[in-house]
Amino acid sequence: MSVPVSLWTGVAVTLKQAMTPEFKLYQKQVVANCKALSTALVDFGYKIVTGGSDNHLILVDLRKQDTDGGRAEKVLEKCAIACNKNTCP
């Protein structure tokens, strides 16, 4: 199977960007923001399934809240927060 040159070009550009100090700083800020949001959610009484976040993801257990994942997903998307509902373990 042959891979188009445009695909390799895109990968090369992406990797070059990922090596810049600005991108690394941006990624550190993304993780810091996620940790801050996770902490705030805990302060408001929400349970974080993993106890916090070490990356850009948070899994919130809504079983004891007066809402569900589908409703939360719709509200968060209106606030420009990308999310999806999942089944909690």
PDB file of N, CA and C in Angstrom:
ATOM      1  N   MET A   1       0.841  -1.180   0.000  1.00  0.00           N
ATOM      2  CA  MET A   1       0.000   0.000   0.000  1.00  0.00           C
ATOM      3  C   MET A   1       0.886   1.243   0.000  1.00  0.00           C
ATOM      4  N   SER A   2       0.578   2.126  -0.876  1.00  0.00           N
ATOM      5  CA  SER A   2       1.342   3.365  -1.032  1.00  0.00           C
ATOM      6  C   SER A   2       0.704   4.474  -0.195  1.00  0.00           C
ATOM      7  N   VAL A   3       1.525   5.240   0.491  1.00  0.00           N
ATOM      8  CA  VAL A   3       1.037   6.352   1.309  1.00  0.00           C
ATOM      9  C   VAL A   3       1.252   7.641   0.534  1.00  0.00           C
ATOM     10  N   PRO A   4       0.194   8.473   0.413  1.00  0.00           N
ATOM     11  CA  PRO A   4       0.337   9.730  -0.343  1.00  0.00           C
ATOM     12  C   PRO A   4       1.382  10.659   0.277  1.00  0.00           C
ATOM     13  N   VAL A   5       2.086  11.365  -0.577  1.00  0.00           N
ATOM     14  CA  VAL A   5       3.110  12.317  -0.132  1.00  0.00           C
ATOM     15  C   VAL A   5       2.488  13.384   0.767  1.00  0.00           C
ATOM     16  N   SER A   6       1.244  13.782   0.471  1.00  0.00           N
ATOM     17  CA  SER A   6       0.592  14.811   1.285  1.00  0.00           C
ATOM     18  C   SER A   6       0.424  14.355   2.738  1.00  0.00           C
ATOM     19  N   LEU A   7       0.227  13.064   2.947  1.00  0.00           N
ATOM     20  CA  LEU A   7       0.116  12.544   4.313  1.00  0.00           C
ATOM     21  C   LEU A   7       1.450  12.687   5.043  1.00  0.00           C
ATOM     22  N   TRP A   8       2.528  12.299   4.395  1.00  0.00           N
ATOM     23  CA  TRP A   8       3.856  12.433   5.004  1.00  0.00           C
ATOM     24  C   TRP A   8       4.193  13.886   5.275  1.00  0.00           C
ATOM     25  N   THR A   9       3.797  14.763   4.366  1.00  0.00           N
ATOM     26  CA  THR A   9       4.043  16.195   4.554  1.00  0.00           C
ATOM     27  C   THR A   9       3.317  16.697   5.789  1.00  0.00           C
ATOM     28  N   GLY A  10       2.056  16.292   5.943  1.00  0.00           N
ATOM     29  CA  GLY A  10       1.273  16.702   7.108  1.00  0.00           C
ATOM     30  C   GLY A  10       1.880  16.199   8.407  1.00  0.00           C
ATOM     31  N   VAL A  11       2.334  14.962   8.403  1.00  0.00           N
ATOM     32  CA  VAL A  11       2.972  14.394   9.597  1.00  0.00           C
ATOM     33  C   VAL A  11       4.251  15.159   9.925  1.00  0.00           C
ATOM     34  N   ALA A  12       5.042  15.464   8.917  1.00  0.00           N
ATOM     35  CA  ALA A  12       6.297  16.194   9.137  1.00  0.00           C
ATOM     36  C   ALA A  12       6.044  17.579   9.720  1.00  0.00           C
ATOM     37  N   VAL A  13       5.052  18.282   9.185  1.00  0.00           N
ATOM     38  CA  VAL A  13       4.724  19.623   9.691  1.00  0.00           C
ATOM     39  C   VAL A  13       4.242  19.538  11.140  1.00  0.00           C
ATOM     40  N   THR A  14       3.397  18.556  11.421  1.00  0.00           N
ATOM     41  CA  THR A  14       2.876  18.378  12.779  1.00  0.00           C
ATOM     42  C   THR A  14       3.996  18.078  13.771  1.00  0.00           C
ATOM     43  N   LEU A  15       4.889  17.186  13.408  1.00  0.00           N
ATOM     44  CA  LEU A  15       6.005  16.858  14.296  1.00  0.00           C
ATOM     45  C   LEU A  15       6.934  18.048  14.508  1.00  0.00           C
ATOM     46  N   LYS A  16       7.139  18.837  13.454  1.00  0.00           N
ATOM     47  CA  LYS A  16       7.975  20.036  13.599  1.00  0.00           C
ATOM     48  C   LYS A  16       7.335  21.014  14.585  1.00  0.00           C
ATOM     49  N   GLN A  17       6.015  21.211  14.464  1.00  0.00           N
ATOM     50  CA  GLN A  17       5.309  22.101  15.398  1.00  0.00           C
ATOM     51  C   GLN A  17       5.400  21.575  16.825  1.00  0.00           C
ATOM     52  N   ALA A  18       5.258  20.263  16.990  1.00  0.00           N
ATOM     53  CA  ALA A  18       5.270  19.667  18.332  1.00  0.00           C
ATOM     54  C   ALA A  18       6.623  19.830  19.023  1.00  0.00           C
ATOM     55  N   MET A  19       7.655  20.089  18.270  1.00  0.00           N
ATOM     56  CA  MET A  19       8.986  20.255  18.853  1.00  0.00           C
ATOM     57  C   MET A  19       9.270  21.685  19.301  1.00  0.00           C
ATOM     58  N   THR A  20       8.377  22.614  19.005  1.00  0.00           N
ATOM     59  CA  THR A  20       8.634  24.010  19.356  1.00  0.00           C
ATOM     60  C   THR A  20       8.380  24.260  20.839  1.00  0.00           C
ATOM     61  N   PRO A  21       9.083  25.206  21.432  1.00  0.00           N
ATOM     62  CA  PRO A  21       8.845  25.545  22.835  1.00  0.00           C
ATOM     63  C   PRO A  21       7.419  26.049  23.069  1.00  0.00           C
ATOM     64  N   GLU A  22       6.866  26.753  22.085  1.00  0.00           N
ATOM     65  CA  GLU A  22       5.502  27.281  22.237  1.00  0.00           C
ATOM     66  C   GLU A  22       4.482  26.148  22.355  1.00  0.00           C
ATOM     67  N   PHE A  23       4.648  25.118  21.549  1.00  0.00           N
ATOM     68  CA  PHE A  23       3.724  23.983  21.588  1.00  0.00           C
ATOM     69  C   PHE A  23       3.849  23.240  22.916  1.00  0.00           C
ATOM     70  N   LYS A  24       5.080  23.052  23.368  1.00  0.00           N
ATOM     71  CA  LYS A  24       5.296  22.363  24.644  1.00  0.00           C
ATOM     72  C   LYS A  24       4.676  23.162  25.794  1.00  0.00           C
ATOM     73  N   LEU A  25       4.812  24.476  25.762  1.00  0.00           N
ATOM     74  CA  LEU A  25       4.203  25.333  26.773  1.00  0.00           C
ATOM     75  C   LEU A  25       2.676  25.237  26.707  1.00  0.00           C
ATOM     76  N   TYR A  26       2.139  25.246  25.501  1.00  0.00           N
ATOM     77  CA  TYR A  26       0.696  25.120  25.302  1.00  0.00           C
ATOM     78  C   TYR A  26       0.190  23.809  25.905  1.00  0.00           C
ATOM     79  N   GLN A  27       0.889  22.719  25.653  1.00  0.00           N
ATOM     80  CA  GLN A  27       0.459  21.419  26.185  1.00  0.00           C
ATOM     81  C   GLN A  27       0.523  21.384  27.710  1.00  0.00           C
ATOM     82  N   LYS A  28       1.533  22.005  28.284  1.00  0.00           N
ATOM     83  CA  LYS A  28       1.619  22.081  29.754  1.00  0.00           C
ATOM     84  C   LYS A  28       0.446  22.870  30.313  1.00  0.00           C
ATOM     85  N   GLN A  29       0.049  23.936  29.623  1.00  0.00           N
ATOM     86  CA  GLN A  29      -1.081  24.748  30.068  1.00  0.00           C
ATOM     87  C   GLN A  29      -2.395  23.987  29.940  1.00  0.00           C
ATOM     88  N   VAL A  30      -2.534  23.181  28.902  1.00  0.00           N
ATOM     89  CA  VAL A  30      -3.739  22.349  28.737  1.00  0.00           C
ATOM     90  C   VAL A  30      -3.885  21.409  29.941  1.00  0.00           C
ATOM     91  N   VAL A  31      -2.807  20.773  30.331  1.00  0.00           N
ATOM     92  CA  VAL A  31      -2.845  19.851  31.476  1.00  0.00           C
ATOM     93  C   VAL A  31      -3.126  20.619  32.769  1.00  0.00           C
ATOM     94  N   ALA A  32      -2.509  21.775  32.944  1.00  0.00           N
ATOM     95  CA  ALA A  32      -2.754  22.592  34.146  1.00  0.00           C
ATOM     96  C   ALA A  32      -4.218  23.028  34.215  1.00  0.00           C
ATOM     97  N   ASN A  33      -4.791  23.424  33.076  1.00  0.00           N
ATOM     98  CA  ASN A  33      -6.196  23.820  33.052  1.00  0.00           C
ATOM     99  C   ASN A  33      -7.108  22.648  33.389  1.00  0.00           C
ATOM    100  N   CYS A  34      -6.773  21.476  32.887  1.00  0.00           N
ATOM    101  CA  CYS A  34      -7.572  20.295  33.172  1.00  0.00           C
ATOM    102  C   CYS A  34      -7.520  19.951  34.660  1.00  0.00           C
ATOM    103  N   LYS A  35      -6.345  20.046  35.252  1.00  0.00           N
ATOM    104  CA  LYS A  35      -6.217  19.782  36.693  1.00  0.00           C
ATOM    105  C   LYS A  35      -7.023  20.802  37.495  1.00  0.00           C
ATOM    106  N   ALA A  36      -7.007  22.061  37.073  1.00  0.00           N
ATOM    107  CA  ALA A  36      -7.771  23.098  37.774  1.00  0.00           C
ATOM    108  C   ALA A  36      -9.267  22.834  37.666  1.00  0.00           C
ATOM    109  N   LEU A  37      -9.732  22.435  36.485  1.00  0.00           N
ATOM    110  CA  LEU A  37     -11.146  22.113  36.316  1.00  0.00           C
ATOM    111  C   LEU A  37     -11.522  20.907  37.155  1.00  0.00           C
ATOM    112  N   SER A  38     -10.682  19.907  37.179  1.00  0.00           N
ATOM    113  CA  SER A  38     -10.930  18.712  37.989  1.00  0.00           C
ATOM    114  C   SER A  38     -11.044  19.066  39.469  1.00  0.00           C
ATOM    115  N   THR A  39     -10.149  19.896  39.944  1.00  0.00           N
ATOM    116  CA  THR A  39     -10.173  20.336  41.346  1.00  0.00           C
ATOM    117  C   THR A  39     -11.446  21.116  41.645  1.00  0.00           C
ATOM    118  N   ALA A  40     -11.832  22.005  40.739  1.00  0.00           N
ATOM    119  CA  ALA A  40     -13.054  22.796  40.935  1.00  0.00           C
ATOM    120  C   ALA A  40     -14.286  21.902  40.966  1.00  0.00           C
ATOM    121  N   LEU A  41     -14.329  20.903  40.101  1.00  0.00           N
ATOM    122  CA  LEU A  41     -15.471  19.982  40.100  1.00  0.00           C
ATOM    123  C   LEU A  41     -15.565  19.229  41.421  1.00  0.00           C
ATOM    124  N   VAL A  42     -14.443  18.792  41.944  1.00  0.00           N
ATOM    125  CA  VAL A  42     -14.429  18.117  43.257  1.00  0.00           C
ATOM    126  C   VAL A  42     -14.911  19.076  44.339  1.00  0.00           C
ATOM    127  N   ASP A  43     -14.458  20.326  44.285  1.00  0.00           N
ATOM    128  CA  ASP A  43     -14.887  21.325  45.269  1.00  0.00           C
ATOM    129  C   ASP A  43     -16.394  21.558  45.228  1.00  0.00           C
ATOM    130  N   PHE A  44     -17.007  21.359  44.053  1.00  0.00           N
ATOM    131  CA  PHE A  44     -18.454  21.512  43.908  1.00  0.00           C
ATOM    132  C   PHE A  44     -19.208  20.214  44.201  1.00  0.00           C
ATOM    133  N   GLY A  45     -18.490  19.188  44.657  1.00  0.00           N
ATOM    134  CA  GLY A  45     -19.147  17.955  45.083  1.00  0.00           C
ATOM    135  C   GLY A  45     -19.224  16.842  44.054  1.00  0.00           C
ATOM    136  N   TYR A  46     -18.566  17.015  42.914  1.00  0.00           N
ATOM    137  CA  TYR A  46     -18.569  15.964  41.900  1.00  0.00           C
ATOM    138  C   TYR A  46     -17.466  14.961  42.194  1.00  0.00           C
ATOM    139  N   LYS A  47     -17.709  13.707  41.832  1.00  0.00           N
ATOM    140  CA  LYS A  47     -16.703  12.663  42.019  1.00  0.00           C
ATOM    141  C   LYS A  47     -15.964  12.454  40.706  1.00  0.00           C
ATOM    142  N   ILE A  48     -14.645  12.552  40.759  1.00  0.00           N
ATOM    143  CA  ILE A  48     -13.800  12.275  39.602  1.00  0.00           C
ATOM    144  C   ILE A  48     -13.388  10.813  39.705  1.00  0.00           C
ATOM    145  N   VAL A  49     -13.695  10.031  38.670  1.00  0.00           N
ATOM    146  CA  VAL A  49     -13.500   8.582  38.723  1.00  0.00           C
ATOM    147  C   VAL A  49     -12.065   8.213  39.063  1.00  0.00           C
ATOM    148  N   THR A  50     -11.098   8.902  38.489  1.00  0.00           N
ATOM    149  CA  THR A  50      -9.700   8.561  38.721  1.00  0.00           C
ATOM    150  C   THR A  50      -9.077   9.365  39.856  1.00  0.00           C
ATOM    151  N   GLY A  51      -9.871  10.197  40.518  1.00  0.00           N
ATOM    152  CA  GLY A  51      -9.355  11.008  41.612  1.00  0.00           C
ATOM    153  C   GLY A  51      -8.715  12.313  41.164  1.00  0.00           C
ATOM    154  N   GLY A  52      -8.599  12.531  39.886  1.00  0.00           N
ATOM    155  CA  GLY A  52      -7.996  13.751  39.348  1.00  0.00           C
ATOM    156  C   GLY A  52      -7.616  13.536  37.904  1.00  0.00           C
ATOM    157  N   SER A  53      -6.701  14.344  37.422  1.00  0.00           N
ATOM    158  CA  SER A  53      -6.280  14.208  36.025  1.00  0.00           C
ATOM    159  C   SER A  53      -4.793  14.480  35.894  1.00  0.00           C
ATOM    160  N   ASP A  54      -4.132  13.676  35.085  1.00  0.00           N
ATOM    161  CA  ASP A  54      -2.722  13.880  34.766  1.00  0.00           C
ATOM    162  C   ASP A  54      -2.539  14.223  33.289  1.00  0.00           C
ATOM    163  N   ASN A  55      -3.673  14.384  32.578  1.00  0.00           N
ATOM    164  CA  ASN A  55      -3.600  14.698  31.153  1.00  0.00           C
ATOM    165  C   ASN A  55      -4.742  15.649  30.801  1.00  0.00           C
ATOM    166  N   HIS A  56      -5.282  15.573  29.615  1.00  0.00           N
ATOM    167  CA  HIS A  56      -6.322  16.494  29.170  1.00  0.00           C
ATOM    168  C   HIS A  56      -7.734  15.928  29.359  1.00  0.00           C
ATOM    169  N   LEU A  57      -7.869  14.804  30.043  1.00  0.00           N
ATOM    170  CA  LEU A  57      -9.160  14.136  30.194  1.00  0.00           C
ATOM    171  C   LEU A  57      -9.630  14.107  31.645  1.00  0.00           C
ATOM    172  N   ILE A  58     -10.955  14.240  31.825  1.00  0.00           N
ATOM    173  CA  ILE A  58     -11.573  14.101  33.144  1.00  0.00           C
ATOM    174  C   ILE A  58     -12.785  13.199  32.976  1.00  0.00           C
ATOM    175  N   LEU A  59     -12.928  12.204  33.830  1.00  0.00           N
ATOM    176  CA  LEU A  59     -14.101  11.340  33.823  1.00  0.00           C
ATOM    177  C   LEU A  59     -14.869  11.593  35.118  1.00  0.00           C
ATOM    178  N   VAL A  60     -16.052  12.207  34.975  1.00  0.00           N
ATOM    179  CA  VAL A  60     -16.855  12.605  36.132  1.00  0.00           C
ATOM    180  C   VAL A  60     -17.969  11.587  36.330  1.00  0.00           C
ATOM    181  N   ASP A  61     -18.107  11.098  37.557  1.00  0.00           N
ATOM    182  CA  ASP A  61     -19.177  10.161  37.906  1.00  0.00           C
ATOM    183  C   ASP A  61     -20.423  10.967  38.274  1.00  0.00           C
ATOM    184  N   LEU A  62     -21.456  10.891  37.440  1.00  0.00           N
ATOM    185  CA  LEU A  62     -22.679  11.673  37.661  1.00  0.00           C
ATOM    186  C   LEU A  62     -23.802  10.844  38.285  1.00  0.00           C
ATOM    187  N   ARG A  63     -23.527   9.619  38.690  1.00  0.00           N
ATOM    188  CA  ARG A  63     -24.599   8.748  39.196  1.00  0.00           C
ATOM    189  C   ARG A  63     -25.314   9.319  40.410  1.00  0.00           C
ATOM    190  N   LYS A  64     -24.629  10.075  41.249  1.00  0.00           N
ATOM    191  CA  LYS A  64     -25.270  10.624  42.448  1.00  0.00           C
ATOM    192  C   LYS A  64     -25.707  12.073  42.261  1.00  0.00           C
ATOM    193  N   GLN A  65     -25.602  12.572  41.047  1.00  0.00           N
ATOM    194  CA  GLN A  65     -25.995  13.947  40.746  1.00  0.00           C
ATOM    195  C   GLN A  65     -27.400  13.956  40.157  1.00  0.00           C
ATOM    196  N   ASP A  66     -27.986  15.131  40.106  1.00  0.00           N
ATOM    197  CA  ASP A  66     -29.329  15.274  39.551  1.00  0.00           C
ATOM    198  C   ASP A  66     -29.255  15.567  38.051  1.00  0.00           C
ATOM    199  N   THR A  67     -28.423  14.798  37.349  1.00  0.00           N
ATOM    200  CA  THR A  67     -28.293  14.933  35.896  1.00  0.00           C
ATOM    201  C   THR A  67     -27.734  13.630  35.353  1.00  0.00           C
ATOM    202  N   ASP A  68     -27.584  13.570  34.056  1.00  0.00           N
ATOM    203  CA  ASP A  68     -26.960  12.395  33.442  1.00  0.00           C
ATOM    204  C   ASP A  68     -25.954  12.859  32.388  1.00  0.00           C
ATOM    205  N   GLY A  69     -25.215  11.918  31.851  1.00  0.00           N
ATOM    206  CA  GLY A  69     -24.165  12.256  30.902  1.00  0.00           C
ATOM    207  C   GLY A  69     -24.665  12.950  29.653  1.00  0.00           C
ATOM    208  N   GLY A  70     -25.824  12.549  29.162  1.00  0.00           N
ATOM    209  CA  GLY A  70     -26.370  13.174  27.961  1.00  0.00           C
ATOM    210  C   GLY A  70     -26.703  14.635  28.175  1.00  0.00           C
ATOM    211  N   ARG A  71     -27.323  14.942  29.298  1.00  0.00           N
ATOM    212  CA  ARG A  71     -27.656  16.339  29.602  1.00  0.00           C
ATOM    213  C   ARG A  71     -26.394  17.158  29.836  1.00  0.00           C
ATOM    214  N   ALA A  72     -25.461  16.606  30.588  1.00  0.00           N
ATOM    215  CA  ALA A  72     -24.204  17.319  30.851  1.00  0.00           C
ATOM    216  C   ALA A  72     -23.451  17.581  29.551  1.00  0.00           C
ATOM    217  N   GLU A  73     -23.452  16.604  28.656  1.00  0.00           N
ATOM    218  CA  GLU A  73     -22.777  16.750  27.373  1.00  0.00           C
ATOM    219  C   GLU A  73     -23.343  17.933  26.588  1.00  0.00           C
ATOM    220  N   LYS A  74     -24.658  18.062  26.536  1.00  0.00           N
ATOM    221  CA  LYS A  74     -25.295  19.155  25.796  1.00  0.00           C
ATOM    222  C   LYS A  74     -24.956  20.522  26.392  1.00  0.00           C
ATOM    223  N   VAL A  75     -24.995  20.617  27.721  1.00  0.00           N
ATOM    224  CA  VAL A  75     -24.690  21.892  28.383  1.00  0.00           C
ATOM    225  C   VAL A  75     -23.228  22.276  28.166  1.00  0.00           C
ATOM    226  N   LEU A  76     -22.320  21.320  28.350  1.00  0.00           N
ATOM    227  CA  LEU A  76     -20.895  21.615  28.184  1.00  0.00           C
ATOM    228  C   LEU A  76     -20.559  22.011  26.748  1.00  0.00           C
ATOM    229  N   GLU A  77     -21.197  21.381  25.784  1.00  0.00           N
ATOM    230  CA  GLU A  77     -20.948  21.756  24.395  1.00  0.00           C
ATOM    231  C   GLU A  77     -21.404  23.182  24.110  1.00  0.00           C
ATOM    232  N   LYS A  78     -22.474  23.638  24.760  1.00  0.00           N
ATOM    233  CA  LYS A  78     -22.912  25.029  24.608  1.00  0.00           C
ATOM    234  C   LYS A  78     -21.904  25.997  25.213  1.00  0.00           C
ATOM    235  N   CYS A  79     -21.080  25.503  26.122  1.00  0.00           N
ATOM    236  CA  CYS A  79     -20.026  26.318  26.749  1.00  0.00           C
ATOM    237  C   CYS A  79     -18.684  26.139  26.021  1.00  0.00           C
ATOM    238  N   ALA A  80     -18.725  25.509  24.855  1.00  0.00           N
ATOM    239  CA  ALA A  80     -17.527  25.260  24.041  1.00  0.00           C
ATOM    240  C   ALA A  80     -16.523  24.339  24.732  1.00  0.00           C
ATOM    241  N   ILE A  81     -17.042  23.391  25.512  1.00  0.00           N
ATOM    242  CA  ILE A  81     -16.198  22.374  26.136  1.00  0.00           C
ATOM    243  C   ILE A  81     -16.514  21.051  25.450  1.00  0.00           C
ATOM    244  N   ALA A  82     -15.538  20.526  24.733  1.00  0.00           N
ATOM    245  CA  ALA A  82     -15.735  19.264  24.023  1.00  0.00           C
ATOM    246  C   ALA A  82     -15.827  18.124  25.028  1.00  0.00           C
ATOM    247  N   CYS A  83     -16.844  17.289  24.859  1.00  0.00           N
ATOM    248  CA  CYS A  83     -17.020  16.185  25.794  1.00  0.00           C
ATOM    249  C   CYS A  83     -17.855  15.091  25.159  1.00  0.00           C
ATOM    250  N   ASN A  84     -17.948  13.995  25.854  1.00  0.00           N
ATOM    251  CA  ASN A  84     -18.851  12.922  25.471  1.00  0.00           C
ATOM    252  C   ASN A  84     -19.218  12.137  26.719  1.00  0.00           C
ATOM    253  N   LYS A  85     -20.332  11.435  26.651  1.00  0.00           N
ATOM    254  CA  LYS A  85     -20.763  10.643  27.802  1.00  0.00           C
ATOM    255  C   LYS A  85     -20.146   9.251  27.708  1.00  0.00           C
ATOM    256  N   ASN A  86     -19.834   8.703  28.856  1.00  0.00           N
ATOM    257  CA  ASN A  86     -19.253   7.364  28.966  1.00  0.00           C
ATOM    258  C   ASN A  86     -19.930   6.628  30.106  1.00  0.00           C
ATOM    259  N   THR A  87     -19.819   5.330  30.097  1.00  0.00           N
ATOM    260  CA  THR A  87     -20.286   4.540  31.220  1.00  0.00           C
ATOM    261  C   THR A  87     -19.191   4.533  32.275  1.00  0.00           C
ATOM    262  N   CYS A  88     -19.564   4.838  33.516  1.00  0.00           N
ATOM    263  CA  CYS A  88     -18.581   4.830  34.604  1.00  0.00           C
ATOM    264  C   CYS A  88     -18.442   3.418  35.142  1.00  0.00           C
ATOM    265  N   PRO A  89     -17.231   3.057  35.487  1.00  0.00           N
ATOM    266  CA  PRO A  89     -17.004   1.718  36.067  1.00  0.00           C
ATOM    267  C   PRO A  89     -17.615   1.606  37.453  1.00  0.00           C
TER     268      PRO A  89
END
